[in-house]
Each structure stands twice: as C-alpha cells, then as structure tokens.
Amino acid sequence: MARYIFKRILLVIPVVLAVILLVFGLLYITPGSNMNRMAVYTGDAFDGVLEKIEPASGFFARYMRYCYNIFFKFEFGYGGRGSADIGAQMKLRWGWTLRLAGLSLLVSALIGIPAGVISAVTSGGWQDRVISAVATVFSSIPSYCMAVGLALLFALKLGWLPSYGVVEPKALVMPVVTVSAMGISQFIRVVRSAVSETLEKNYITALRAAGLKERLIIGVHALRNALVPIAASLGETATKILGGGFVAEKFFAVPGIGFYLIKAVDQVQPLIILACASSTAVLLVLINLATDMISLAADPQLRKRVASAPGRGGRSDGK
C-alpha cells in the first residue's frame, strides 16, 4: 500500500513537468511573445548544466531555467506594469481563488449532500421531483449567465449586494453562489444515485425488518456506504468549481488567479500567463491525487485490490 501511494506521488512530477513544457512551448512559439528572450544564465551553480545544452537548444535551456526558478526559488519573473513580482502576485491571487473555491465547495456539500439524500429517500415523490429539477437547472445554466442574473437581481434591482470588487465580506456572496450552483447539482446527482442504490441492498431490508429506525438506517448505514462514490466525485466537483471560479472572479472583480490570468491575456503578458496556467495545472494534478487517496481511504475493496495487485506490495498469486 505504501509503495502504491509513493508511486502515485512520484507520478505527479513528470505530469507537472510535461504540462509546464506544453504551455511553455506554446507561448514560446507565439508571435510577439518575449519568451525566447528570457535570461538563461543567472550566475548560480545550475548555470554549469545549462551551458552544456544551451548551444544545442536555447528553448530547453530556458525551459529548464524556468522550472529551476519556480520549484527551487519560487521565482516566476516580472511582468505587468511597474515590473511587478509575479511570485508575490501569485501568492496573493491564489489566496483569493482558494478562498472562493473553498467556500463554494463547502456550501455545495452542505446543501447538495442533504438534498441528494432527501431526493433518494423520497424517490418518485414531489420532493424528489423538485430537487431533481433544481439540480438540472443549476447544471444547465452557464456560470456567466448565473453571474449576470444574480447581479441584475441583488445588485441593480434590490441593491442588497455590491456587484464589483471585494471591499467587504458580503461582496463574496454572489461569487460563491455563482460557483456553488454547479457543485450543488453535482453533489445532488452523485448522492441521490449512491444512496438510492444502497437503500436497495439486502442488508438495508434486514435492518428495517429488525426494527431499526429509518433515520438511523439512512444517516449511518446508507450514507456511510455512499461515501465511496461521493469521495470519487470530489475531484470532478472541485475542478468544476475551480473553473467556474475563474469566470466569477472576472465578472465580480475578485482579485484571484482567474482575474489575473484573463487580464494577462488581454495585455499579452506571457510570463504571467505561463505562471497562472502552470500553477493551475499543478493544482489540478494535486486535486486528482488527493481524490485518489480519499477514495483509497474510503473504499476497503479498493485497498484490497491495490494491496493484492502484482508489483504494488502485494502477492502476485492472489493468496
């Protein structure tokens, strides 16, 4: 088991390097980009390695220098007006993005999971039909349409919430609602399907025949066994929330990484685009890794298969 986890963690490294290489290469060949004028040598010990490959390929020398700087020095270069330090901006911007994504994921879980359970328990009833309709609507409305509708209603018509900037805490309400809509829909669908399937199991019928209270059956036994598909869907839900957050940041002027990236595209700042795209790719890879680890912890059968698989620390004969 430990060997499998270690291999999964090691696999993150080449994936991240490949993603950065792809983004770096696309920006390098983009007309008008200044990526091919990046400094290769900076006067430290790593320059000795670069000197050997730079004559053959300035592209790979610059790519290696860039990876060395961001992973070992956390230096992303300078860009934008006034030669702003991109690394310092990344810390600030990712703080806002993770705050928005975290709040949205929390709201999605607090609303979507109970709603999914109610929908499964009342399958075919009016509660199930209403909740399913809401989930369908939330999954069908694009993030920018949701943002426009909320701004028109709560900012322009009612005047309850600010529509631009985050000068006060309540300014995050509309961005969080915008991003949470798709997360709520995702949780409702997954939880409803998982709980409905669990409630049809024979052991649930046996528990009911034994006189166990329905609330205890659903809240303890059914929901506990439904945690496996819920855990498996966390990565997809978090990815959707992160993508929707970029749209909400731009529309509501939340100074997160999405706002920073879109602004860099408008102003043709390749170093900022590279930093934002690379860090986002790293985060998505880590989210997928975390999802796999959570699924492994929640699913005993998956742990058993991993432990018994050849080359993963288990026996190859299946005994």
Protein backbone atom coordinates (compact mmCIF):
# COMPACT_ATOMS: atom_id res chain seq x y z
CA MET A 1 0.00 0.00 0.00
CA ALA A 2 2.74 2.45 0.95
CA ARG A 3 4.60 1.62 -2.26
CA TYR A 4 1.48 2.36 -4.33
CA ILE A 5 0.98 5.74 -2.63
CA PHE A 6 4.66 6.59 -3.12
CA LYS A 7 4.45 5.73 -6.83
CA ARG A 8 1.34 7.86 -7.25
CA ILE A 9 3.09 10.80 -5.63
CA LEU A 10 6.17 10.34 -7.81
CA LEU A 11 3.98 10.22 -10.91
CA VAL A 12 2.93 13.81 -10.20
CA ILE A 13 6.42 15.10 -11.04
CA PRO A 14 6.62 14.08 -14.74
CA VAL A 15 2.98 15.07 -15.30
CA VAL A 16 3.59 18.56 -13.93
CA LEU A 17 6.81 18.97 -15.92
CA ALA A 18 5.05 17.83 -19.11
CA VAL A 19 2.21 20.29 -18.62
CA ILE A 20 4.63 23.16 -18.00
CA LEU A 21 6.62 22.11 -21.08
CA LEU A 22 3.47 22.19 -23.22
CA VAL A 23 2.38 25.62 -22.02
CA PHE A 24 5.93 26.97 -22.21
CA GLY A 25 6.31 25.67 -25.77
CA LEU A 26 3.04 27.16 -26.96
CA LEU A 27 3.92 30.56 -25.53
CA TYR A 28 7.49 30.29 -26.85
CA ILE A 29 6.34 30.00 -30.46
CA THR A 30 3.53 32.55 -30.15
CA PRO A 31 4.21 35.61 -32.36
CA GLY A 32 5.03 38.67 -30.32
CA SER A 33 5.99 36.66 -27.24
CA ASN A 34 9.19 37.55 -25.40
CA MET A 35 9.72 34.02 -24.06
CA ASN A 36 12.66 33.46 -26.40
CA ARG A 37 14.42 36.43 -24.80
CA MET A 38 14.28 35.06 -21.26
CA ALA A 39 17.59 35.00 -19.39
CA VAL A 40 19.28 31.61 -19.41
CA TYR A 41 22.20 32.24 -17.07
CA THR A 42 21.84 33.96 -13.71
CA GLY A 43 25.17 33.26 -12.06
CA ASP A 44 24.44 30.27 -9.81
CA ALA A 45 25.62 26.66 -9.78
CA PHE A 46 22.86 25.50 -12.14
CA ASP A 47 24.38 27.51 -14.98
CA GLY A 48 27.04 24.83 -15.49
CA VAL A 49 24.34 22.38 -16.56
CA LEU A 50 22.69 24.91 -18.86
CA GLU A 51 25.94 25.75 -20.61
CA LYS A 52 26.10 22.20 -21.96
CA ILE A 53 22.65 22.20 -23.54
CA GLU A 54 22.15 25.86 -24.48
CA PRO A 55 24.16 25.76 -27.74
CA ALA A 56 22.05 22.84 -28.95
CA SER A 57 18.70 24.23 -27.87
CA GLY A 58 18.02 27.59 -26.32
CA PHE A 59 14.40 26.52 -25.85
CA PHE A 60 15.20 23.65 -23.49
CA ALA A 61 17.79 25.71 -21.65
CA ARG A 62 15.18 28.37 -20.96
CA TYR A 63 12.62 25.72 -20.01
CA MET A 64 14.99 24.12 -17.52
CA ARG A 65 15.94 27.52 -16.11
CA TYR A 66 12.26 28.38 -15.68
CA CYS A 67 11.46 25.09 -13.89
CA TYR A 68 14.53 25.50 -11.68
CA ASN A 69 13.49 29.02 -10.72
CA ILE A 70 9.87 28.25 -9.88
CA PHE A 71 10.44 24.99 -8.00
CA PHE A 72 13.62 25.81 -6.11
CA LYS A 73 13.45 29.60 -5.79
CA PHE A 74 9.74 30.36 -6.30
CA GLU A 75 10.71 32.99 -8.85
CA PHE A 76 8.29 33.49 -11.74
CA GLY A 77 9.93 36.59 -13.18
CA TYR A 78 8.45 40.05 -13.55
CA GLY A 79 5.58 41.28 -15.63
CA GLY A 80 2.86 43.84 -15.91
CA ARG A 81 3.07 47.50 -15.26
CA GLY A 82 5.84 48.61 -12.96
CA SER A 83 7.62 45.23 -13.35
CA ALA A 84 5.52 43.59 -10.61
CA ASP A 85 6.93 40.45 -8.99
CA ILE A 86 4.83 37.63 -10.38
CA GLY A 87 5.67 35.31 -7.47
CA ALA A 88 4.30 37.77 -4.91
CA GLN A 89 1.22 38.32 -7.04
CA MET A 90 0.68 34.55 -7.30
CA LYS A 91 0.61 34.18 -3.51
CA LEU A 92 -1.93 36.97 -3.20
CA ARG A 93 -4.11 35.85 -6.10
CA TRP A 94 -4.16 32.18 -5.17
CA GLY A 95 -5.24 33.17 -1.67
CA TRP A 96 -8.40 34.74 -3.08
CA THR A 97 -9.03 31.89 -5.52
CA LEU A 98 -8.67 29.18 -2.88
CA ARG A 99 -10.86 31.16 -0.50
CA LEU A 100 -13.61 31.41 -3.12
CA ALA A 101 -13.24 27.76 -4.17
CA GLY A 102 -13.16 26.52 -0.57
CA LEU A 103 -16.28 28.44 0.43
CA SER A 104 -18.06 27.29 -2.72
CA LEU A 105 -17.14 23.64 -2.13
CA LEU A 106 -18.31 23.89 1.50
CA VAL A 107 -21.64 25.46 0.50
CA SER A 108 -22.07 22.88 -2.26
CA ALA A 109 -21.53 19.99 0.16
CA LEU A 110 -23.73 21.44 2.93
CA ILE A 111 -26.64 21.89 0.51
CA GLY A 112 -26.06 19.21 -2.11
CA ILE A 113 -25.45 16.20 0.15
CA PRO A 114 -28.61 16.59 2.32
CA ALA A 115 -30.65 17.43 -0.78
CA GLY A 116 -29.35 14.31 -2.52
CA VAL A 117 -30.26 12.15 0.49
CA ILE A 118 -33.78 13.62 0.64
CA SER A 119 -34.19 13.07 -3.09
CA ALA A 120 -33.15 9.42 -2.76
CA VAL A 121 -35.37 8.75 0.25
CA THR A 122 -38.42 10.36 -1.38
CA SER A 123 -37.77 8.79 -4.79
CA GLY A 124 -40.75 9.46 -7.05
CA GLY A 125 -42.31 11.96 -4.64
CA TRP A 126 -42.73 15.70 -5.08
CA GLN A 127 -39.56 16.41 -3.07
CA ASP A 128 -37.54 14.23 -5.42
CA ARG A 129 -39.02 15.91 -8.49
CA VAL A 130 -38.37 19.42 -7.15
CA ILE A 131 -34.78 18.66 -6.11
CA SER A 132 -34.04 16.89 -9.42
CA ALA A 133 -35.46 19.86 -11.34
CA VAL A 134 -33.30 22.29 -9.35
CA ALA A 135 -30.21 20.16 -9.98
CA THR A 136 -30.98 20.08 -13.70
CA VAL A 137 -31.42 23.84 -13.85
CA PHE A 138 -28.21 24.51 -11.90
CA SER A 139 -26.20 22.18 -14.15
CA SER A 140 -27.64 23.75 -17.32
CA ILE A 141 -27.03 27.43 -16.57
CA PRO A 142 -23.52 28.62 -17.55
CA SER A 143 -21.58 30.43 -14.83
CA TYR A 144 -21.59 33.75 -16.63
CA CYS A 145 -25.41 33.62 -17.05
CA MET A 146 -25.81 32.87 -13.36
CA ALA A 147 -23.50 35.78 -12.52
CA VAL A 148 -25.46 38.18 -14.75
CA GLY A 149 -28.78 37.11 -13.26
CA LEU A 150 -27.58 37.48 -9.67
CA ALA A 151 -26.04 40.88 -10.37
CA LEU A 152 -29.22 42.18 -12.03
CA LEU A 153 -31.43 40.99 -9.17
CA PHE A 154 -29.42 41.53 -5.98
CA ALA A 155 -27.15 44.40 -7.03
CA LEU A 156 -29.08 46.53 -9.51
CA LYS A 157 -32.73 45.89 -8.63
CA LEU A 158 -32.65 45.19 -4.87
CA GLY A 159 -29.34 46.87 -4.02
CA TRP A 160 -28.53 44.32 -1.34
CA LEU A 161 -25.07 43.27 -2.51
CA PRO A 162 -22.13 45.01 -4.23
CA SER A 163 -21.63 43.86 -7.79
CA TYR A 164 -17.95 44.66 -8.25
CA GLY A 165 -14.88 44.25 -6.05
CA VAL A 166 -14.42 42.65 -2.64
CA VAL A 167 -14.15 45.64 -0.33
CA GLU A 168 -16.46 43.96 2.23
CA PRO A 169 -17.22 40.32 3.16
CA LYS A 170 -20.73 40.30 1.69
CA ALA A 171 -19.20 41.00 -1.73
CA LEU A 172 -18.25 37.30 -1.85
CA VAL A 173 -21.89 36.19 -1.58
CA MET A 174 -22.73 36.40 -5.28
CA PRO A 175 -19.44 34.85 -6.47
CA VAL A 176 -19.88 31.96 -4.03
CA VAL A 177 -23.49 31.40 -5.10
CA THR A 178 -22.46 31.53 -8.76
CA VAL A 179 -19.75 28.91 -8.31
CA SER A 180 -21.71 26.76 -5.84
CA ALA A 181 -24.61 26.18 -8.24
CA MET A 182 -22.74 23.60 -10.32
CA GLY A 183 -21.26 21.99 -7.20
CA ILE A 184 -24.69 21.60 -5.62
CA SER A 185 -26.00 19.98 -8.79
CA GLN A 186 -23.05 17.58 -8.89
CA PHE A 187 -23.46 16.53 -5.25
CA ILE A 188 -27.22 16.04 -5.63
CA ARG A 189 -26.82 13.70 -8.59
CA VAL A 190 -24.00 11.66 -7.07
CA VAL A 191 -25.53 11.37 -3.59
CA ARG A 192 -29.00 10.55 -4.90
CA SER A 193 -27.66 7.77 -7.12
CA ALA A 194 -25.41 6.34 -4.40
CA VAL A 195 -28.00 6.41 -1.61
CA SER A 196 -30.76 5.02 -3.87
CA GLU A 197 -28.52 2.11 -4.83
CA THR A 198 -27.57 1.48 -1.20
CA LEU A 199 -31.19 1.52 0.01
CA GLU A 200 -31.94 -1.39 -2.35
CA LYS A 201 -29.34 -3.64 -0.71
CA ASN A 202 -30.48 -6.72 1.20
CA TYR A 203 -28.84 -5.68 4.45
CA ILE A 204 -30.92 -2.47 4.48
CA THR A 205 -34.07 -4.61 4.23
CA ALA A 206 -32.77 -6.74 7.09
CA LEU A 207 -32.12 -3.68 9.24
CA ARG A 208 -35.65 -2.44 8.62
CA ALA A 209 -37.07 -5.87 9.48
CA ALA A 210 -35.09 -5.78 12.73
CA GLY A 211 -36.97 -2.62 13.71
CA LEU A 212 -34.11 -0.14 13.35
CA LYS A 213 -35.27 3.46 12.95
CA GLU A 214 -35.34 4.75 9.39
CA ARG A 215 -33.37 7.85 10.31
CA LEU A 216 -30.58 5.71 11.75
CA ILE A 217 -30.58 3.41 8.73
CA ILE A 218 -30.23 6.31 6.32
CA GLY A 219 -27.92 8.52 8.37
CA VAL A 220 -25.48 5.82 9.48
CA HIS A 221 -25.61 2.76 7.26
CA ALA A 222 -26.81 4.03 3.87
CA LEU A 223 -24.89 7.30 3.85
CA ARG A 224 -21.70 5.65 5.12
CA ASN A 225 -21.70 3.19 2.22
CA ALA A 226 -22.46 6.02 -0.19
CA LEU A 227 -19.26 7.82 0.82
CA VAL A 228 -17.21 5.88 -1.75
CA PRO A 229 -18.84 7.38 -4.88
CA ILE A 230 -19.07 10.75 -3.14
CA ALA A 231 -15.32 10.68 -2.47
CA ALA A 232 -14.65 9.59 -6.05
CA SER A 233 -16.60 12.60 -7.37
CA LEU A 234 -14.77 15.17 -5.25
CA GLY A 235 -12.04 15.70 -7.83
CA GLU A 236 -14.50 16.37 -10.65
CA THR A 237 -16.57 18.67 -8.45
CA ALA A 238 -13.53 20.62 -7.25
CA THR A 239 -12.31 21.01 -10.84
CA LYS A 240 -15.67 22.37 -11.97
CA ILE A 241 -15.77 24.76 -9.03
CA LEU A 242 -12.27 25.99 -9.82
CA GLY A 243 -13.16 26.60 -13.47
CA GLY A 244 -16.40 28.34 -12.56
CA GLY A 245 -14.49 30.43 -10.06
CA PHE A 246 -12.34 31.90 -12.83
CA VAL A 247 -15.49 33.18 -14.55
CA ALA A 248 -16.90 34.58 -11.30
CA GLU A 249 -13.61 36.30 -10.49
CA LYS A 250 -13.60 38.15 -13.78
CA PHE A 251 -17.27 39.14 -13.62
CA PHE A 252 -17.28 40.28 -9.96
CA ALA A 253 -13.68 41.59 -9.95
CA VAL A 254 -12.43 39.16 -7.31
CA PRO A 255 -8.61 39.57 -7.40
CA GLY A 256 -7.92 35.86 -7.80
CA ILE A 257 -5.82 33.86 -10.21
CA GLY A 258 -8.57 33.76 -12.84
CA PHE A 259 -8.88 37.55 -12.87
CA TYR A 260 -5.07 37.79 -13.06
CA LEU A 261 -4.90 35.29 -15.96
CA ILE A 262 -7.62 36.93 -18.07
CA LYS A 263 -6.05 40.34 -17.52
CA ALA A 264 -2.65 38.95 -18.60
CA VAL A 265 -4.19 37.55 -21.79
CA ASP A 266 -5.74 40.94 -22.58
CA GLN A 267 -2.40 42.68 -22.02
CA VAL A 268 -0.30 39.93 -23.71
CA GLN A 269 1.88 39.11 -20.70
CA PRO A 270 3.29 35.63 -21.49
CA LEU A 271 5.19 35.18 -18.23
CA ILE A 272 2.04 35.83 -16.20
CA ILE A 273 0.02 33.52 -18.45
CA LEU A 274 2.65 30.80 -18.03
CA ALA A 275 2.71 31.21 -14.25
CA CYS A 276 -1.08 31.09 -13.94
CA ALA A 277 -1.51 28.15 -16.34
CA SER A 278 1.34 26.16 -14.78
CA SER A 279 0.20 26.68 -11.20
CA THR A 280 -3.38 25.80 -12.15
CA ALA A 281 -2.19 22.59 -13.81
CA VAL A 282 -0.18 21.69 -10.70
CA LEU A 283 -3.24 22.27 -8.51
CA LEU A 284 -5.45 20.10 -10.74
CA VAL A 285 -2.91 17.27 -10.63
CA LEU A 286 -2.77 17.53 -6.83
CA ILE A 287 -6.57 17.54 -6.64
CA ASN A 288 -6.70 14.32 -8.65
CA LEU A 289 -4.03 12.79 -6.42
CA ALA A 290 -5.94 13.81 -3.28
CA THR A 291 -9.15 12.35 -4.75
CA ASP A 292 -7.42 9.03 -5.38
CA MET A 293 -6.10 8.97 -1.82
CA ILE A 294 -9.53 9.80 -0.36
CA SER A 295 -11.14 7.08 -2.47
CA LEU A 296 -8.48 4.66 -1.30
CA ALA A 297 -9.19 5.53 2.33
CA ALA A 298 -12.98 5.30 1.92
CA ASP A 299 -13.17 2.07 -0.11
CA PRO A 300 -11.93 -1.12 1.63
CA GLN A 301 -12.35 -3.14 -1.59
CA LEU A 302 -10.14 -0.73 -3.49
CA ARG A 303 -7.48 -1.00 -0.77
CA LYS A 304 -7.66 -4.77 -1.00
CA ARG A 305 -7.25 -4.72 -4.79
CA VAL A 306 -4.30 -2.33 -4.54
CA ALA A 307 -2.63 -4.41 -1.82
CA SER A 308 -3.02 -7.64 -3.79
CA ALA A 309 -2.05 -6.27 -7.21
CA PRO A 310 1.30 -7.52 -8.61
CA GLY A 311 4.12 -5.03 -8.24
CA ARG A 312 2.29 -2.97 -5.60
CA GLY A 313 3.48 -4.57 -2.47
CA GLY A 314 1.01 -7.48 -2.60
CA ARG A 315 1.27 -11.13 -3.63
CA SER A 316 1.03 -11.88 -7.33
CA ASP A 317 -0.68 -15.25 -6.77
CA GLY A 318 -3.73 -13.66 -5.14
CA LYS A 319 -3.38 -15.82 -1.98
